[in-house]
């Protein structure tokens, strides 16, 4: 029974995605319009809840990952700048000695 209900919900979702109206879906599946509306509302509610859960779980992780990446890039940039400053200073010292 559960598989049949799940199949029906998936079919409704597919038909809605193809642009079918509630009335056409009801006719095609031989169900009442109120039944299709009820299932459609449930699917919409579940989708919204899934998106909200995904946002709550994913955004903090993405923010943390982005901050860690930023810190790593900043550290590498500082190391590169320090290395460049040291090399430039060494080259200047050599030029002064050669003069």
PDB file of N, CA and C in Angstrom:
ATOM      1  N   UNK A   1       0.826  -1.196   0.000  1.00  0.00           N
ATOM      2  CA  UNK A   1       0.000   0.000   0.000  1.00  0.00           C
ATOM      3  C   UNK A   1       0.874   1.266   0.000  1.00  0.00           C
ATOM      4  N   UNK A   2       1.933   1.238   0.844  1.00  0.00           N
ATOM      5  CA  UNK A   2       2.812   2.400   0.928  1.00  0.00           C
ATOM      6  C   UNK A   2       3.498   2.659  -0.409  1.00  0.00           C
ATOM      7  N   UNK A   3       3.936   1.586  -1.080  1.00  0.00           N
ATOM      8  CA  UNK A   3       4.577   1.737  -2.390  1.00  0.00           C
ATOM      9  C   UNK A   3       3.612   2.347  -3.405  1.00  0.00           C
ATOM     10  N   UNK A   4       2.358   1.947  -3.332  1.00  0.00           N
ATOM     11  CA  UNK A   4       1.347   2.476  -4.254  1.00  0.00           C
ATOM     12  C   UNK A   4       1.139   3.979  -4.013  1.00  0.00           C
ATOM     13  N   UNK A   5       1.072   4.375  -2.746  1.00  0.00           N
ATOM     14  CA  UNK A   5       0.901   5.794  -2.418  1.00  0.00           C
ATOM     15  C   UNK A   5       2.122   6.602  -2.841  1.00  0.00           C
ATOM     16  N   UNK A   6       3.289   6.035  -2.626  1.00  0.00           N
ATOM     17  CA  UNK A   6       4.523   6.716  -3.035  1.00  0.00           C
ATOM     18  C   UNK A   6       4.592   6.854  -4.557  1.00  0.00           C
ATOM     19  N   UNK A   7       4.192   5.800  -5.254  1.00  0.00           N
ATOM     20  CA  UNK A   7       4.169   5.846  -6.722  1.00  0.00           C
ATOM     21  C   UNK A   7       3.178   6.913  -7.199  1.00  0.00           C
ATOM     22  N   UNK A   8       2.019   6.967  -6.557  1.00  0.00           N
ATOM     23  CA  UNK A   8       1.001   7.970  -6.918  1.00  0.00           C
ATOM     24  C   UNK A   8       1.550   9.378  -6.701  1.00  0.00           C
ATOM     25  N   UNK A   9       2.209   9.600  -5.566  1.00  0.00           N
ATOM     26  CA  UNK A   9       2.774  10.926  -5.276  1.00  0.00           C
ATOM     27  C   UNK A   9       3.848  11.284  -6.292  1.00  0.00           C
ATOM     28  N   UNK A  10       4.703  10.326  -6.641  1.00  0.00           N
ATOM     29  CA  UNK A  10       5.746  10.586  -7.643  1.00  0.00           C
ATOM     30  C   UNK A  10       5.146  10.912  -9.003  1.00  0.00           C
ATOM     31  N   UNK A  11       4.072  10.216  -9.359  1.00  0.00           N
ATOM     32  CA  UNK A  11       3.402  10.476 -10.632  1.00  0.00           C
ATOM     33  C   UNK A  11       2.813  11.884 -10.640  1.00  0.00           C
ATOM     34  N   UNK A  12       2.185  12.259  -9.534  1.00  0.00           N
ATOM     35  CA  UNK A  12       1.614  13.607  -9.434  1.00  0.00           C
ATOM     36  C   UNK A  12       2.721  14.645  -9.561  1.00  0.00           C
ATOM     37  N   UNK A  13       3.837  14.410  -8.879  1.00  0.00           N
ATOM     38  CA  UNK A  13       4.973  15.342  -8.943  1.00  0.00           C
ATOM     39  C   UNK A  13       5.480  15.472 -10.383  1.00  0.00           C
ATOM     40  N   UNK A  14       5.603  14.354 -11.077  1.00  0.00           N
ATOM     41  CA  UNK A  14       6.076  14.369 -12.469  1.00  0.00           C
ATOM     42  C   UNK A  14       5.105  15.127 -13.379  1.00  0.00           C
ATOM     43  N   UNK A  15       3.822  14.834 -13.226  1.00  0.00           N
ATOM     44  CA  UNK A  15       2.827  15.495 -14.073  1.00  0.00           C
ATOM     45  C   UNK A  15       2.768  16.996 -13.803  1.00  0.00           C
ATOM     46  N   UNK A  16       2.884  17.381 -12.545  1.00  0.00           N
ATOM     47  CA  UNK A  16       2.908  18.814 -12.222  1.00  0.00           C
ATOM     48  C   UNK A  16       4.136  19.466 -12.845  1.00  0.00           C
ATOM     49  N   UNK A  17       5.250  18.765 -12.809  1.00  0.00           N
ATOM     50  CA  UNK A  17       6.469  19.275 -13.410  1.00  0.00           C
ATOM     51  C   UNK A  17       6.350  19.457 -14.913  1.00  0.00           C
ATOM     52  N   UNK A  18       5.485  18.666 -15.517  1.00  0.00           N
ATOM     53  CA  UNK A  18       5.252  18.767 -16.962  1.00  0.00           C
ATOM     54  C   UNK A  18       4.186  19.810 -17.291  1.00  0.00           C
ATOM     55  N   UNK A  19       3.636  20.447 -16.257  1.00  0.00           N
ATOM     56  CA  UNK A  19       2.676  21.510 -16.491  1.00  0.00           C
ATOM     57  C   UNK A  19       1.217  21.095 -16.469  1.00  0.00           C
ATOM     58  N   UNK A  20       0.937  19.864 -16.101  1.00  0.00           N
ATOM     59  CA  UNK A  20      -0.459  19.418 -16.027  1.00  0.00           C
ATOM     60  C   UNK A  20      -1.182  20.157 -14.907  1.00  0.00           C
ATOM     61  N   UNK A  21      -2.448  20.445 -15.122  1.00  0.00           N
ATOM     62  CA  UNK A  21      -3.270  21.068 -14.081  1.00  0.00           C
ATOM     63  C   UNK A  21      -3.763  19.988 -13.123  1.00  0.00           C
ATOM     64  N   UNK A  22      -4.241  20.430 -11.976  1.00  0.00           N
ATOM     65  CA  UNK A  22      -4.794  19.509 -10.974  1.00  0.00           C
ATOM     66  C   UNK A  22      -5.929  18.691 -11.590  1.00  0.00           C
ATOM     67  N   UNK A  23      -6.780  19.353 -12.354  1.00  0.00           N
ATOM     68  CA  UNK A  23      -7.931  18.678 -12.982  1.00  0.00           C
ATOM     69  C   UNK A  23      -7.464  17.602 -13.955  1.00  0.00           C
ATOM     70  N   UNK A  24      -6.485  17.924 -14.785  1.00  0.00           N
ATOM     71  CA  UNK A  24      -5.984  16.930 -15.742  1.00  0.00           C
ATOM     72  C   UNK A  24      -5.321  15.751 -15.037  1.00  0.00           C
ATOM     73  N   UNK A  25      -4.580  16.043 -13.970  1.00  0.00           N
ATOM     74  CA  UNK A  25      -3.949  14.959 -13.206  1.00  0.00           C
ATOM     75  C   UNK A  25      -5.014  14.063 -12.591  1.00  0.00           C
ATOM     76  N   UNK A  26      -6.051  14.667 -12.038  1.00  0.00           N
ATOM     77  CA  UNK A  26      -7.138  13.893 -11.438  1.00  0.00           C
ATOM     78  C   UNK A  26      -7.800  13.001 -12.491  1.00  0.00           C
ATOM     79  N   UNK A  27      -8.035  13.542 -13.670  1.00  0.00           N
ATOM     80  CA  UNK A  27      -8.643  12.736 -14.737  1.00  0.00           C
ATOM     81  C   UNK A  27      -7.724  11.594 -15.154  1.00  0.00           C
ATOM     82  N   UNK A  28      -6.447  11.895 -15.319  1.00  0.00           N
ATOM     83  CA  UNK A  28      -5.509  10.871 -15.794  1.00  0.00           C
ATOM     84  C   UNK A  28      -5.338   9.750 -14.771  1.00  0.00           C
ATOM     85  N   UNK A  29      -5.303  10.106 -13.483  1.00  0.00           N
ATOM     86  CA  UNK A  29      -5.108   9.096 -12.443  1.00  0.00           C
ATOM     87  C   UNK A  29      -6.422   8.538 -11.909  1.00  0.00           C
ATOM     88  N   UNK A  30      -7.510   9.064 -12.409  1.00  0.00           N
ATOM     89  CA  UNK A  30      -8.851   8.650 -11.982  1.00  0.00           C
ATOM     90  C   UNK A  30      -9.034   8.815 -10.472  1.00  0.00           C
ATOM     91  N   UNK A  31      -8.654   9.996 -10.019  1.00  0.00           N
ATOM     92  CA  UNK A  31      -8.815  10.361  -8.621  1.00  0.00           C
ATOM     93  C   UNK A  31      -9.588  11.674  -8.572  1.00  0.00           C
ATOM     94  N   UNK A  32     -10.076  12.018  -7.391  1.00  0.00           N
ATOM     95  CA  UNK A  32     -10.828  13.268  -7.268  1.00  0.00           C
ATOM     96  C   UNK A  32      -9.868  14.455  -7.206  1.00  0.00           C
ATOM     97  N   UNK A  33     -10.399  15.604  -7.588  1.00  0.00           N
ATOM     98  CA  UNK A  33      -9.607  16.838  -7.537  1.00  0.00           C
ATOM     99  C   UNK A  33      -9.151  17.126  -6.091  1.00  0.00           C
ATOM    100  N   UNK A  34     -10.041  16.997  -5.078  1.00  0.00           N
ATOM    101  CA  UNK A  34      -9.584  17.231  -3.704  1.00  0.00           C
ATOM    102  C   UNK A  34      -8.435  16.296  -3.279  1.00  0.00           C
ATOM    103  N   UNK A  35      -8.462  15.064  -3.747  1.00  0.00           N
ATOM    104  CA  UNK A  35      -7.385  14.121  -3.419  1.00  0.00           C
ATOM    105  C   UNK A  35      -6.063  14.606  -4.015  1.00  0.00           C
ATOM    106  N   UNK A  36      -6.096  15.023  -5.265  1.00  0.00           N
ATOM    107  CA  UNK A  36      -4.881  15.522  -5.921  1.00  0.00           C
ATOM    108  C   UNK A  36      -4.395  16.780  -5.216  1.00  0.00           C
ATOM    109  N   UNK A  37      -5.304  17.676  -4.847  1.00  0.00           N
ATOM    110  CA  UNK A  37      -4.918  18.896  -4.136  1.00  0.00           C
ATOM    111  C   UNK A  37      -4.267  18.564  -2.798  1.00  0.00           C
ATOM    112  N   UNK A  38      -4.837  17.605  -2.072  1.00  0.00           N
ATOM    113  CA  UNK A  38      -4.301  17.218  -0.769  1.00  0.00           C
ATOM    114  C   UNK A  38      -2.890  16.640  -0.919  1.00  0.00           C
ATOM    115  N   UNK A  39      -2.725  15.736  -1.892  1.00  0.00           N
ATOM    116  CA  UNK A  39      -1.405  15.132  -2.121  1.00  0.00           C
ATOM    117  C   UNK A  39      -0.405  16.197  -2.581  1.00  0.00           C
ATOM    118  N   UNK A  40      -0.846  17.069  -3.463  1.00  0.00           N
ATOM    119  CA  UNK A  40       0.014  18.142  -3.968  1.00  0.00           C
ATOM    120  C   UNK A  40       0.452  19.073  -2.840  1.00  0.00           C
ATOM    121  N   UNK A  41      -0.459  19.407  -1.953  1.00  0.00           N
ATOM    122  CA  UNK A  41      -0.125  20.267  -0.815  1.00  0.00           C
ATOM    123  C   UNK A  41       0.877  19.574   0.100  1.00  0.00           C
ATOM    124  N   UNK A  42       0.701  18.279   0.312  1.00  0.00           N
ATOM    125  CA  UNK A  42       1.644  17.524   1.145  1.00  0.00           C
ATOM    126  C   UNK A  42       3.025  17.500   0.503  1.00  0.00           C
ATOM    127  N   UNK A  43       3.079  17.272  -0.802  1.00  0.00           N
ATOM    128  CA  UNK A  43       4.359  17.253  -1.511  1.00  0.00           C
ATOM    129  C   UNK A  43       5.058  18.611  -1.412  1.00  0.00           C
ATOM    130  N   UNK A  44       4.270  19.670  -1.565  1.00  0.00           N
ATOM    131  CA  UNK A  44       4.823  21.017  -1.460  1.00  0.00           C
ATOM    132  C   UNK A  44       5.374  21.266  -0.058  1.00  0.00           C
ATOM    133  N   UNK A  45       4.607  20.878   0.957  1.00  0.00           N
ATOM    134  CA  UNK A  45       5.032  21.059   2.348  1.00  0.00           C
ATOM    135  C   UNK A  45       6.306  20.266   2.636  1.00  0.00           C
ATOM    136  N   UNK A  46       6.362  19.017   2.167  1.00  0.00           N
ATOM    137  CA  UNK A  46       7.553  18.187   2.381  1.00  0.00           C
ATOM    138  C   UNK A  46       8.774  18.779   1.679  1.00  0.00           C
ATOM    139  N   UNK A  47       8.571  19.298   0.487  1.00  0.00           N
ATOM    140  CA  UNK A  47       9.687  19.921  -0.245  1.00  0.00           C
ATOM    141  C   UNK A  47      10.213  21.135   0.508  1.00  0.00           C
ATOM    142  N   UNK A  48       9.305  21.961   0.987  1.00  0.00           N
ATOM    143  CA  UNK A  48       9.700  23.154   1.734  1.00  0.00           C
ATOM    144  C   UNK A  48      10.455  22.760   3.001  1.00  0.00           C
ATOM    145  N   UNK A  49       9.980  21.736   3.710  1.00  0.00           N
ATOM    146  CA  UNK A  49      10.654  21.274   4.925  1.00  0.00           C
ATOM    147  C   UNK A  49      12.040  20.715   4.604  1.00  0.00           C
ATOM    148  N   UNK A  50      12.142  19.981   3.499  1.00  0.00           N
ATOM    149  CA  UNK A  50      13.435  19.430   3.099  1.00  0.00           C
ATOM    150  C   UNK A  50      14.431  20.531   2.764  1.00  0.00           C
ATOM    151  N   UNK A  51      13.963  21.570   2.059  1.00  0.00           N
ATOM    152  CA  UNK A  51      14.843  22.700   1.740  1.00  0.00           C
ATOM    153  C   UNK A  51      15.283  23.428   3.007  1.00  0.00           C
ATOM    154  N   UNK A  52      14.355  23.647   3.920  1.00  0.00           N
ATOM    155  CA  UNK A  52      14.695  24.330   5.166  1.00  0.00           C
ATOM    156  C   UNK A  52      15.709  23.520   5.967  1.00  0.00           C
ATOM    157  N   UNK A  53      15.521  22.209   6.026  1.00  0.00           N
ATOM    158  CA  UNK A  53      16.454  21.342   6.748  1.00  0.00           C
ATOM    159  C   UNK A  53      17.831  21.375   6.079  1.00  0.00           C
ATOM    160  N   UNK A  54      17.841  21.326   4.761  1.00  0.00           N
ATOM    161  CA  UNK A  54      19.098  21.378   4.018  1.00  0.00           C
ATOM    162  C   UNK A  54      19.825  22.692   4.297  1.00  0.00           C
ATOM    163  N   UNK A  55      19.095  23.784   4.288  1.00  0.00           N
ATOM    164  CA  UNK A  55      19.692  25.097   4.549  1.00  0.00           C
ATOM    165  C   UNK A  55      20.256  25.143   5.970  1.00  0.00           C
ATOM    166  N   UNK A  56      19.504  24.654   6.939  1.00  0.00           N
ATOM    167  CA  UNK A  56      19.955  24.688   8.324  1.00  0.00           C
ATOM    168  C   UNK A  56      21.185  23.812   8.544  1.00  0.00           C
ATOM    169  N   UNK A  57      21.259  22.697   7.837  1.00  0.00           N
ATOM    170  CA  UNK A  57      22.383  21.789   8.009  1.00  0.00           C
ATOM    171  C   UNK A  57      23.584  22.201   7.175  1.00  0.00           C
ATOM    172  N   UNK A  58      23.353  22.707   5.983  1.00  0.00           N
ATOM    173  CA  UNK A  58      24.425  22.923   5.026  1.00  0.00           C
ATOM    174  C   UNK A  58      25.106  24.283   5.152  1.00  0.00           C
ATOM    175  N   UNK A  59      24.354  25.344   5.373  1.00  0.00           N
ATOM    176  CA  UNK A  59      24.941  26.683   5.366  1.00  0.00           C
ATOM    177  C   UNK A  59      26.007  26.847   6.455  1.00  0.00           C
ATOM    178  N   UNK A  60      25.770  26.411   7.689  1.00  0.00           N
ATOM    179  CA  UNK A  60      26.851  26.555   8.680  1.00  0.00           C
ATOM    180  C   UNK A  60      28.125  25.817   8.253  1.00  0.00           C
ATOM    181  N   UNK A  61      27.973  24.643   7.673  1.00  0.00           N
ATOM    182  CA  UNK A  61      29.136  23.883   7.199  1.00  0.00           C
ATOM    183  C   UNK A  61      29.840  24.646   6.084  1.00  0.00           C
ATOM    184  N   UNK A  62      29.078  25.178   5.131  1.00  0.00           N
ATOM    185  CA  UNK A  62      29.666  25.927   4.013  1.00  0.00           C
ATOM    186  C   UNK A  62      30.374  27.188   4.499  1.00  0.00           C
ATOM    187  N   UNK A  63      29.799  27.863   5.475  1.00  0.00           N
ATOM    188  CA  UNK A  63      30.429  29.065   6.025  1.00  0.00           C
ATOM    189  C   UNK A  63      31.753  28.696   6.691  1.00  0.00           C
ATOM    190  N   UNK A  64      31.738  27.642   7.495  1.00  0.00           N
ATOM    191  CA  UNK A  64      32.971  27.201   8.155  1.00  0.00           C
ATOM    192  C   UNK A  64      34.035  26.805   7.132  1.00  0.00           C
ATOM    193  N   UNK A  65      33.643  26.066   6.116  1.00  0.00           N
ATOM    194  CA  UNK A  65      34.586  25.648   5.076  1.00  0.00           C
ATOM    195  C   UNK A  65      35.162  26.850   4.346  1.00  0.00           C
ATOM    196  N   UNK A  66      34.315  27.814   4.042  1.00  0.00           N
ATOM    197  CA  UNK A  66      34.767  29.020   3.338  1.00  0.00           C
ATOM    198  C   UNK A  66      35.742  29.807   4.197  1.00  0.00           C
ATOM    199  N   UNK A  67      35.443  29.935   5.485  1.00  0.00           N
ATOM    200  CA  UNK A  67      36.346  30.659   6.377  1.00  0.00           C
ATOM    201  C   UNK A  67      37.697  29.959   6.498  1.00  0.00           C
ATOM    202  N   UNK A  68      37.676  28.638   6.575  1.00  0.00           N
ATOM    203  CA  UNK A  68      38.937  27.885   6.644  1.00  0.00           C
ATOM    204  C   UNK A  68      39.749  28.070   5.365  1.00  0.00           C
ATOM    205  N   UNK A  69      39.074  28.035   4.231  1.00  0.00           N
ATOM    206  CA  UNK A  69      39.760  28.254   2.955  1.00  0.00           C
ATOM    207  C   UNK A  69      40.340  29.666   2.898  1.00  0.00           C
ATOM    208  N   UNK A  70      39.579  30.645   3.340  1.00  0.00           N
ATOM    209  CA  UNK A  70      40.043  32.038   3.366  1.00  0.00           C
ATOM    210  C   UNK A  70      41.298  32.166   4.234  1.00  0.00           C
ATOM    211  N   UNK A  71      41.266  31.543   5.419  1.00  0.00           N
ATOM    212  CA  UNK A  71      42.427  31.604   6.317  1.00  0.00           C
ATOM    213  C   UNK A  71      43.645  30.962   5.668  1.00  0.00           C
ATOM    214  N   UNK A  72      43.443  29.855   4.981  1.00  0.00           N
ATOM    215  CA  UNK A  72      44.543  29.171   4.308  1.00  0.00           C
ATOM    216  C   UNK A  72      45.129  30.041   3.200  1.00  0.00           C
ATOM    217  N   UNK A  73      44.283  30.649   2.403  1.00  0.00           N
ATOM    218  CA  UNK A  73      44.741  31.525   1.315  1.00  0.00           C
ATOM    219  C   UNK A  73      45.479  32.728   1.894  1.00  0.00           C
ATOM    220  N   UNK A  74      44.945  33.287   2.953  1.00  0.00           N
ATOM    221  CA  UNK A  74      45.569  34.441   3.592  1.00  0.00           C
ATOM    222  C   UNK A  74      46.955  34.068   4.127  1.00  0.00           C
ATOM    223  N   UNK A  75      47.068  32.900   4.744  1.00  0.00           N
ATOM    224  CA  UNK A  75      48.349  32.422   5.272  1.00  0.00           C
ATOM    225  C   UNK A  75      49.361  32.214   4.140  1.00  0.00           C
ATOM    226  N   UNK A  76      48.896  31.596   3.045  1.00  0.00           N
ATOM    227  CA  UNK A  76      49.778  31.368   1.895  1.00  0.00           C
ATOM    228  C   UNK A  76      50.220  32.684   1.270  1.00  0.00           C
ATOM    229  N   UNK A  77      49.314  33.654   1.191  1.00  0.00           N
ATOM    230  CA  UNK A  77      49.662  34.963   0.626  1.00  0.00           C
ATOM    231  C   UNK A  77      50.702  35.653   1.493  1.00  0.00           C
ATOM    232  N   UNK A  78      50.553  35.565   2.803  1.00  0.00           N
ATOM    233  CA  UNK A  78      51.528  36.171   3.712  1.00  0.00           C
ATOM    234  C   UNK A  78      52.880  35.498   3.560  1.00  0.00           C
ATOM    235  N   UNK A  79      52.901  34.167   3.493  1.00  0.00           N
ATOM    236  CA  UNK A  79      54.162  33.445   3.310  1.00  0.00           C
ATOM    237  C   UNK A  79      54.835  33.844   2.004  1.00  0.00           C
ATOM    238  N   UNK A  80      54.068  33.953   0.954  1.00  0.00           N
ATOM    239  CA  UNK A  80      54.608  34.350  -0.342  1.00  0.00           C
ATOM    240  C   UNK A  80      55.149  35.780  -0.298  1.00  0.00           C
ATOM    241  N   UNK A  81      54.411  36.672   0.356  1.00  0.00           N
ATOM    242  CA  UNK A  81      54.862  38.062   0.474  1.00  0.00           C
ATOM    243  C   UNK A  81      56.144  38.133   1.290  1.00  0.00           C
ATOM    244  N   UNK A  82      56.203  37.379   2.372  1.00  0.00           N
ATOM    245  CA  UNK A  82      57.420  37.370   3.201  1.00  0.00           C
ATOM    246  C   UNK A  82      58.601  36.832   2.414  1.00  0.00           C
ATOM    247  N   UNK A  83      58.376  35.763   1.689  1.00  0.00           N
ATOM    248  CA  UNK A  83      59.440  35.157   0.883  1.00  0.00           C
ATOM    249  C   UNK A  83      59.916  36.142  -0.184  1.00  0.00           C
ATOM    250  N   UNK A  84      58.989  36.809  -0.832  1.00  0.00           N
ATOM    251  CA  UNK A  84      59.332  37.792  -1.870  1.00  0.00           C
ATOM    252  C   UNK A  84      60.110  38.946  -1.260  1.00  0.00           C
ATOM    253  N   UNK A  85      59.673  39.431  -0.084  1.00  0.00           N
ATOM    254  CA  UNK A  85      60.391  40.514   0.601  1.00  0.00           C
ATOM    255  C   UNK A  85      61.815  40.077   0.943  1.00  0.00           C
ATOM    256  N   UNK A  86      61.983  38.870   1.435  1.00  0.00           N
ATOM    257  CA  UNK A  86      63.312  38.355   1.786  1.00  0.00           C
ATOM    258  C   UNK A  86      64.195  38.251   0.551  1.00  0.00           C
ATOM    259  N   UNK A  87      63.645  37.719  -0.542  1.00  0.00           N
ATOM    260  CA  UNK A  87      64.419  37.579  -1.775  1.00  0.00           C
ATOM    261  C   UNK A  87      64.791  38.942  -2.344  1.00  0.00           C
ATOM    262  N   UNK A  88      63.865  39.882  -2.292  1.00  0.00           N
ATOM    263  CA  UNK A  88      64.132  41.235  -2.792  1.00  0.00           C
ATOM    264  C   UNK A  88      65.212  41.897  -1.949  1.00  0.00           C
ATOM    265  N   UNK A  89      65.119  41.729  -0.633  1.00  0.00           N
ATOM    266  CA  UNK A  89      66.128  42.293   0.262  1.00  0.00           C
ATOM    267  C   UNK A  89      67.494  41.690   0.007  1.00  0.00           C
ATOM    268  N   UNK A  90      67.568  40.385  -0.227  1.00  0.00           N
ATOM    269  CA  UNK A  90      68.828  39.705  -0.514  1.00  0.00           C
ATOM    270  C   UNK A  90      69.412  40.217  -1.818  1.00  0.00           C
ATOM    271  N   UNK A  91      68.586  40.395  -2.819  1.00  0.00           N
ATOM    272  CA  UNK A  91      69.051  40.891  -4.118  1.00  0.00           C
ATOM    273  C   UNK A  91      69.582  42.319  -3.975  1.00  0.00           C
ATOM    274  N   UNK A  92      68.939  43.158  -3.180  1.00  0.00           N
ATOM    275  CA  UNK A  92      69.391  44.536  -2.977  1.00  0.00           C
ATOM    276  C   UNK A  92      70.746  44.561  -2.277  1.00  0.00           C
ATOM    277  N   UNK A  93      70.896  43.672  -1.294  1.00  0.00           N
ATOM    278  CA  UNK A  93      72.174  43.599  -0.572  1.00  0.00           C
ATOM    279  C   UNK A  93      73.304  43.209  -1.524  1.00  0.00           C
ATOM    280  N   UNK A  94      73.036  42.261  -2.429  1.00  0.00           N
ATOM    281  CA  UNK A  94      74.046  41.836  -3.393  1.00  0.00           C
ATOM    282  C   UNK A  94      74.420  42.992  -4.315  1.00  0.00           C
ATOM    283  N   UNK A  95      73.439  43.747  -4.762  1.00  0.00           N
ATOM    284  CA  UNK A  95      73.701  44.875  -5.639  1.00  0.00           C
ATOM    285  C   UNK A  95      74.532  45.938  -4.938  1.00  0.00           C
ATOM    286  N   UNK A  96      74.229  46.182  -3.659  1.00  0.00           N
ATOM    287  CA  UNK A  96      74.990  47.168  -2.899  1.00  0.00           C
ATOM    288  C   UNK A  96      76.436  46.711  -2.748  1.00  0.00           C
ATOM    289  N   UNK A  97      76.667  45.416  -2.465  1.00  0.00           N
ATOM    290  CA  UNK A  97      78.015  44.873  -2.301  1.00  0.00           C
ATOM    291  C   UNK A  97      78.785  44.963  -3.631  1.00  0.00           C
ATOM    292  N   UNK A  98      78.100  44.728  -4.727  1.00  0.00           N
ATOM    293  CA  UNK A  98      78.747  44.758  -6.040  1.00  0.00           C
ATOM    294  C   UNK A  98      79.139  46.170  -6.443  1.00  0.00           C
ATOM    295  N   UNK A  99      78.460  47.157  -5.910  1.00  0.00           N
ATOM    296  CA  UNK A  99      78.738  48.553  -6.305  1.00  0.00           C
ATOM    297  C   UNK A  99      80.007  49.095  -5.751  1.00  0.00           C
TER     298      UNK A  99
END
